[in-house]
Amino acid sequence: MQGGYNTGKDVSIDINGPYGPIRIPALMDFDSKPKITSTEITPLNGQTDELNVPKGWTGTFSIERKDATIDNYWAQWEADYYAGVSQPASTITETFSEPDGSVSTFRYTQVQLKLDDAGKKEGDKTIKQSMSFTARRRLKVS
C-alpha cells in the first residue's frame, strides 16, 4: 500500500481449475471487467431511462513463463476437448489487503479459461504468455 492506496502488490490471485489449483509462479497482471448490457428506454415524454443488466465478467492476465504450468493446463484441456470430456468450470479468488488493515475477498464463479498467447520465443528475452477468462459472477466472500 502506498499512501493509503492499493497497488498491485496488495492483491493475490488464486485459480482453482478443473484439475486442481493452477499455481502460476510469475503472474504479472490481472484485469477484470463486468459485462453489462445497457438498453435506453425513451417514453413519449422524452425522459430517457437506462436499463443495465449484468451479463457476467471478463478478464485477462499475463504470465512471465517460469515453468510449464500454463502449457500443461492447456495441453490437458485440449486433450480432454478432443476426447469428448466435459470441462467443468474453474474459480478465481481475488484477495485484497486493504489500506485500513482489513481483507476483502471476491470469487469469480463458473470461470472458463482461454489461452490467448503461448508466448513468443526469442534469444535472450523472457516468454510472455497471456490468458483470458469469462465468469458468470463475482461474489463477495469477505
C-alpha atoms as a PDB file:
ATOM      1  CA  MET A   1       0.000   0.000   0.000  1.00  0.00           C
ATOM      2  CA  GLN A   2       1.271   3.407  -0.929  1.00  0.00           C
ATOM      3  CA  GLY A   3      -0.086   6.468   0.857  1.00  0.00           C
ATOM      4  CA  GLY A   4      -3.402   4.794   1.608  1.00  0.00           C
ATOM      5  CA  TYR A   5      -3.898   3.499  -1.946  1.00  0.00           C
ATOM      6  CA  ASN A   6      -3.971  -0.106  -3.101  1.00  0.00           C
ATOM      7  CA  THR A   7      -1.299  -1.221  -5.544  1.00  0.00           C
ATOM      8  CA  GLY A   8      -0.979  -4.484  -7.421  1.00  0.00           C
ATOM      9  CA  LYS A   9       1.250  -5.820  -4.634  1.00  0.00           C
ATOM     10  CA  ASP A  10      -1.786  -5.740  -2.315  1.00  0.00           C
ATOM     11  CA  VAL A  11      -3.677  -8.311  -4.399  1.00  0.00           C
ATOM     12  CA  SER A  12      -3.337 -12.081  -4.565  1.00  0.00           C
ATOM     13  CA  ILE A  13      -4.984 -14.245  -7.208  1.00  0.00           C
ATOM     14  CA  ASP A  14      -5.763 -17.936  -6.729  1.00  0.00           C
ATOM     15  CA  ILE A  15      -7.040 -20.020  -9.638  1.00  0.00           C
ATOM     16  CA  ASN A  16      -8.698 -23.356  -8.963  1.00  0.00           C
ATOM     17  CA  GLY A  17      -9.037 -25.181 -12.267  1.00  0.00           C
ATOM     18  CA  PRO A  18     -10.830 -28.396 -13.200  1.00  0.00           C
ATOM     19  CA  TYR A  19      -7.627 -30.378 -12.471  1.00  0.00           C
ATOM     20  CA  GLY A  20      -6.828 -28.623  -9.181  1.00  0.00           C
ATOM     21  CA  PRO A  21      -5.037 -25.393  -8.261  1.00  0.00           C
ATOM     22  CA  ILE A  22      -3.214 -23.588 -11.067  1.00  0.00           C
ATOM     23  CA  ARG A  23      -0.134 -22.156  -9.360  1.00  0.00           C
ATOM     24  CA  ILE A  24       1.405 -19.500 -11.591  1.00  0.00           C
ATOM     25  CA  PRO A  25       4.884 -18.566 -10.315  1.00  0.00           C
ATOM     26  CA  ALA A  26       5.097 -15.174 -12.083  1.00  0.00           C
ATOM     27  CA  LEU A  27       1.631 -13.672 -12.542  1.00  0.00           C
ATOM     28  CA  MET A  28       2.369 -10.191 -13.865  1.00  0.00           C
ATOM     29  CA  ASP A  29      -1.042  -8.559 -14.086  1.00  0.00           C
ATOM     30  CA  PHE A  30      -4.729  -9.294 -13.684  1.00  0.00           C
ATOM     31  CA  ASP A  31      -7.584  -7.252 -15.152  1.00  0.00           C
ATOM     32  CA  SER A  32     -11.313  -7.865 -14.771  1.00  0.00           C
ATOM     33  CA  LYS A  33     -14.358  -6.036 -16.074  1.00  0.00           C
ATOM     34  CA  PRO A  34     -18.086  -6.520 -15.613  1.00  0.00           C
ATOM     35  CA  LYS A  35     -20.127  -7.217 -18.744  1.00  0.00           C
ATOM     36  CA  ILE A  36     -23.248  -5.061 -18.811  1.00  0.00           C
ATOM     37  CA  THR A  37     -25.983  -4.839 -21.405  1.00  0.00           C
ATOM     38  CA  SER A  38     -27.445  -1.324 -21.470  1.00  0.00           C
ATOM     39  CA  THR A  39     -30.787  -0.518 -23.030  1.00  0.00           C
ATOM     40  CA  GLU A  40     -32.059   3.028 -23.370  1.00  0.00           C
ATOM     41  CA  ILE A  41     -35.787   3.453 -22.873  1.00  0.00           C
ATOM     42  CA  THR A  42     -37.345   6.705 -24.047  1.00  0.00           C
ATOM     43  CA  PRO A  43     -41.094   7.029 -23.468  1.00  0.00           C
ATOM     44  CA  LEU A  44     -43.229   9.627 -25.209  1.00  0.00           C
ATOM     45  CA  ASN A  45     -42.404  12.226 -22.531  1.00  0.00           C
ATOM     46  CA  GLY A  46     -38.793  12.242 -23.809  1.00  0.00           C
ATOM     47  CA  GLN A  47     -37.203  11.419 -20.440  1.00  0.00           C
ATOM     48  CA  THR A  48     -34.705   8.641 -21.164  1.00  0.00           C
ATOM     49  CA  ASP A  49     -34.060   5.882 -18.665  1.00  0.00           C
ATOM     50  CA  GLU A  50     -31.290   3.332 -18.937  1.00  0.00           C
ATOM     51  CA  LEU A  51     -31.734  -0.313 -18.029  1.00  0.00           C
ATOM     52  CA  ASN A  52     -28.477  -2.072 -17.063  1.00  0.00           C
ATOM     53  CA  VAL A  53     -28.407  -5.874 -16.933  1.00  0.00           C
ATOM     54  CA  PRO A  54     -25.324  -7.747 -15.638  1.00  0.00           C
ATOM     55  CA  LYS A  55     -24.007 -10.400 -18.047  1.00  0.00           C
ATOM     56  CA  GLY A  56     -21.048 -11.783 -16.097  1.00  0.00           C
ATOM     57  CA  TRP A  57     -17.403 -10.813 -16.075  1.00  0.00           C
ATOM     58  CA  THR A  58     -14.445 -10.918 -18.447  1.00  0.00           C
ATOM     59  CA  GLY A  59     -10.779 -10.632 -17.700  1.00  0.00           C
ATOM     60  CA  THR A  60      -7.201 -11.114 -18.751  1.00  0.00           C
ATOM     61  CA  PHE A  61      -3.939 -11.931 -17.054  1.00  0.00           C
ATOM     62  CA  SER A  62      -0.364 -12.246 -18.201  1.00  0.00           C
ATOM     63  CA  ILE A  63       2.416 -14.534 -17.106  1.00  0.00           C
ATOM     64  CA  GLU A  64       6.198 -14.477 -17.377  1.00  0.00           C
ATOM     65  CA  ARG A  65       6.886 -18.142 -18.136  1.00  0.00           C
ATOM     66  CA  LYS A  66       8.992 -19.786 -15.409  1.00  0.00           C
ATOM     67  CA  ASP A  67       7.658 -23.318 -15.832  1.00  0.00           C
ATOM     68  CA  ALA A  68       5.159 -25.379 -17.830  1.00  0.00           C
ATOM     69  CA  THR A  69       2.127 -24.640 -15.619  1.00  0.00           C
ATOM     70  CA  ILE A  70       0.060 -22.880 -18.287  1.00  0.00           C
ATOM     71  CA  ASP A  71       1.277 -25.116 -21.131  1.00  0.00           C
ATOM     72  CA  ASN A  72       0.417 -28.245 -19.124  1.00  0.00           C
ATOM     73  CA  TYR A  73      -3.029 -26.882 -18.218  1.00  0.00           C
ATOM     74  CA  TRP A  74      -3.829 -26.063 -21.848  1.00  0.00           C
ATOM     75  CA  ALA A  75      -2.487 -29.380 -23.180  1.00  0.00           C
ATOM     76  CA  GLN A  76      -4.788 -31.246 -20.769  1.00  0.00           C
ATOM     77  CA  TRP A  77      -7.743 -29.000 -21.636  1.00  0.00           C
ATOM     78  CA  GLU A  78      -7.176 -29.547 -25.365  1.00  0.00           C
ATOM     79  CA  ALA A  79      -6.734 -33.323 -24.949  1.00  0.00           C
ATOM     80  CA  ASP A  80      -9.966 -33.505 -22.943  1.00  0.00           C
ATOM     81  CA  TYR A  81     -11.824 -31.490 -25.570  1.00  0.00           C
ATOM     82  CA  TYR A  82     -10.815 -33.853 -28.380  1.00  0.00           C
ATOM     83  CA  ALA A  83     -11.564 -36.880 -26.192  1.00  0.00           C
ATOM     84  CA  GLY A  84     -15.106 -35.597 -25.629  1.00  0.00           C
ATOM     85  CA  VAL A  85     -14.551 -34.919 -21.927  1.00  0.00           C
ATOM     86  CA  SER A  86     -16.844 -32.259 -20.489  1.00  0.00           C
ATOM     87  CA  GLN A  87     -14.951 -29.335 -18.997  1.00  0.00           C
ATOM     88  CA  PRO A  88     -16.012 -28.318 -15.505  1.00  0.00           C
ATOM     89  CA  ALA A  89     -15.681 -24.624 -14.719  1.00  0.00           C
ATOM     90  CA  SER A  90     -12.883 -23.041 -12.708  1.00  0.00           C
ATOM     91  CA  THR A  91     -12.959 -20.420  -9.959  1.00  0.00           C
ATOM     92  CA  ILE A  92     -10.722 -17.417  -9.394  1.00  0.00           C
ATOM     93  CA  THR A  93     -10.337 -15.893  -5.936  1.00  0.00           C
ATOM     94  CA  GLU A  94      -9.107 -12.301  -5.690  1.00  0.00           C
ATOM     95  CA  THR A  95      -7.914 -11.131  -2.248  1.00  0.00           C
ATOM     96  CA  PHE A  96      -7.083  -7.514  -1.369  1.00  0.00           C
ATOM     97  CA  SER A  97      -5.091  -6.338   1.653  1.00  0.00           C
ATOM     98  CA  GLU A  98      -6.874  -3.043   2.273  1.00  0.00           C
ATOM     99  CA  PRO A  99      -5.071   0.134   3.446  1.00  0.00           C
ATOM    100  CA  ASP A 100      -7.026   0.041   6.743  1.00  0.00           C
ATOM    101  CA  GLY A 101      -5.647  -3.446   7.512  1.00  0.00           C
ATOM    102  CA  SER A 102      -8.794  -5.356   6.561  1.00  0.00           C
ATOM    103  CA  VAL A 103      -9.004  -8.031   3.879  1.00  0.00           C
ATOM    104  CA  SER A 104     -11.547  -8.120   1.031  1.00  0.00           C
ATOM    105  CA  THR A 105     -12.078 -11.330  -0.925  1.00  0.00           C
ATOM    106  CA  PHE A 106     -14.053 -11.818  -4.138  1.00  0.00           C
ATOM    107  CA  ARG A 107     -14.673 -15.052  -6.033  1.00  0.00           C
ATOM    108  CA  TYR A 108     -15.338 -15.375  -9.757  1.00  0.00           C
ATOM    109  CA  THR A 109     -17.582 -18.385 -10.397  1.00  0.00           C
ATOM    110  CA  GLN A 110     -18.197 -20.611 -13.415  1.00  0.00           C
ATOM    111  CA  VAL A 111     -14.929 -19.422 -14.944  1.00  0.00           C
ATOM    112  CA  GLN A 112     -13.912 -20.516 -18.435  1.00  0.00           C
ATOM    113  CA  LEU A 113     -10.190 -20.011 -19.085  1.00  0.00           C
ATOM    114  CA  LYS A 114      -8.681 -19.468 -22.532  1.00  0.00           C
ATOM    115  CA  LEU A 115      -5.021 -19.416 -23.557  1.00  0.00           C
ATOM    116  CA  ASP A 116      -4.632 -16.343 -25.767  1.00  0.00           C
ATOM    117  CA  ASP A 117      -0.882 -16.426 -26.342  1.00  0.00           C
ATOM    118  CA  ALA A 118       1.557 -19.239 -25.510  1.00  0.00           C
ATOM    119  CA  GLY A 119       4.392 -16.731 -25.895  1.00  0.00           C
ATOM    120  CA  LYS A 120       6.961 -15.595 -28.409  1.00  0.00           C
ATOM    121  CA  LYS A 121      10.287 -17.379 -28.055  1.00  0.00           C
ATOM    122  CA  GLU A 122      13.366 -15.257 -28.825  1.00  0.00           C
ATOM    123  CA  GLY A 123      17.042 -15.312 -27.839  1.00  0.00           C
ATOM    124  CA  ASP A 124      17.647 -13.582 -24.508  1.00  0.00           C
ATOM    125  CA  LYS A 125      14.063 -12.472 -23.866  1.00  0.00           C
ATOM    126  CA  THR A 126      11.570 -13.857 -21.398  1.00  0.00           C
ATOM    127  CA  ILE A 127       8.476 -15.615 -22.693  1.00  0.00           C
ATOM    128  CA  LYS A 128       5.291 -13.674 -22.026  1.00  0.00           C
ATOM    129  CA  GLN A 129       2.071 -15.689 -22.022  1.00  0.00           C
ATOM    130  CA  SER A 130      -1.478 -14.412 -21.713  1.00  0.00           C
ATOM    131  CA  MET A 131      -4.857 -15.857 -20.824  1.00  0.00           C
ATOM    132  CA  SER A 132      -8.379 -14.524 -20.722  1.00  0.00           C
ATOM    133  CA  PHE A 133     -11.491 -15.647 -18.908  1.00  0.00           C
ATOM    134  CA  THR A 134     -15.208 -15.252 -18.643  1.00  0.00           C
ATOM    135  CA  ALA A 135     -17.084 -15.723 -15.380  1.00  0.00           C
ATOM    136  CA  ARG A 136     -20.741 -15.928 -14.506  1.00  0.00           C
ATOM    137  CA  ARG A 137     -20.484 -13.934 -11.250  1.00  0.00           C
ATOM    138  CA  ARG A 138     -18.093 -12.085  -8.942  1.00  0.00           C
ATOM    139  CA  LEU A 139     -19.231 -12.760  -5.407  1.00  0.00           C
ATOM    140  CA  LYS A 140     -18.052 -11.040  -2.231  1.00  0.00           C
ATOM    141  CA  VAL A 141     -16.642 -13.696   0.114  1.00  0.00           C
ATOM    142  CA  SER A 142     -15.359 -11.434   2.904  1.00  0.00           C
END
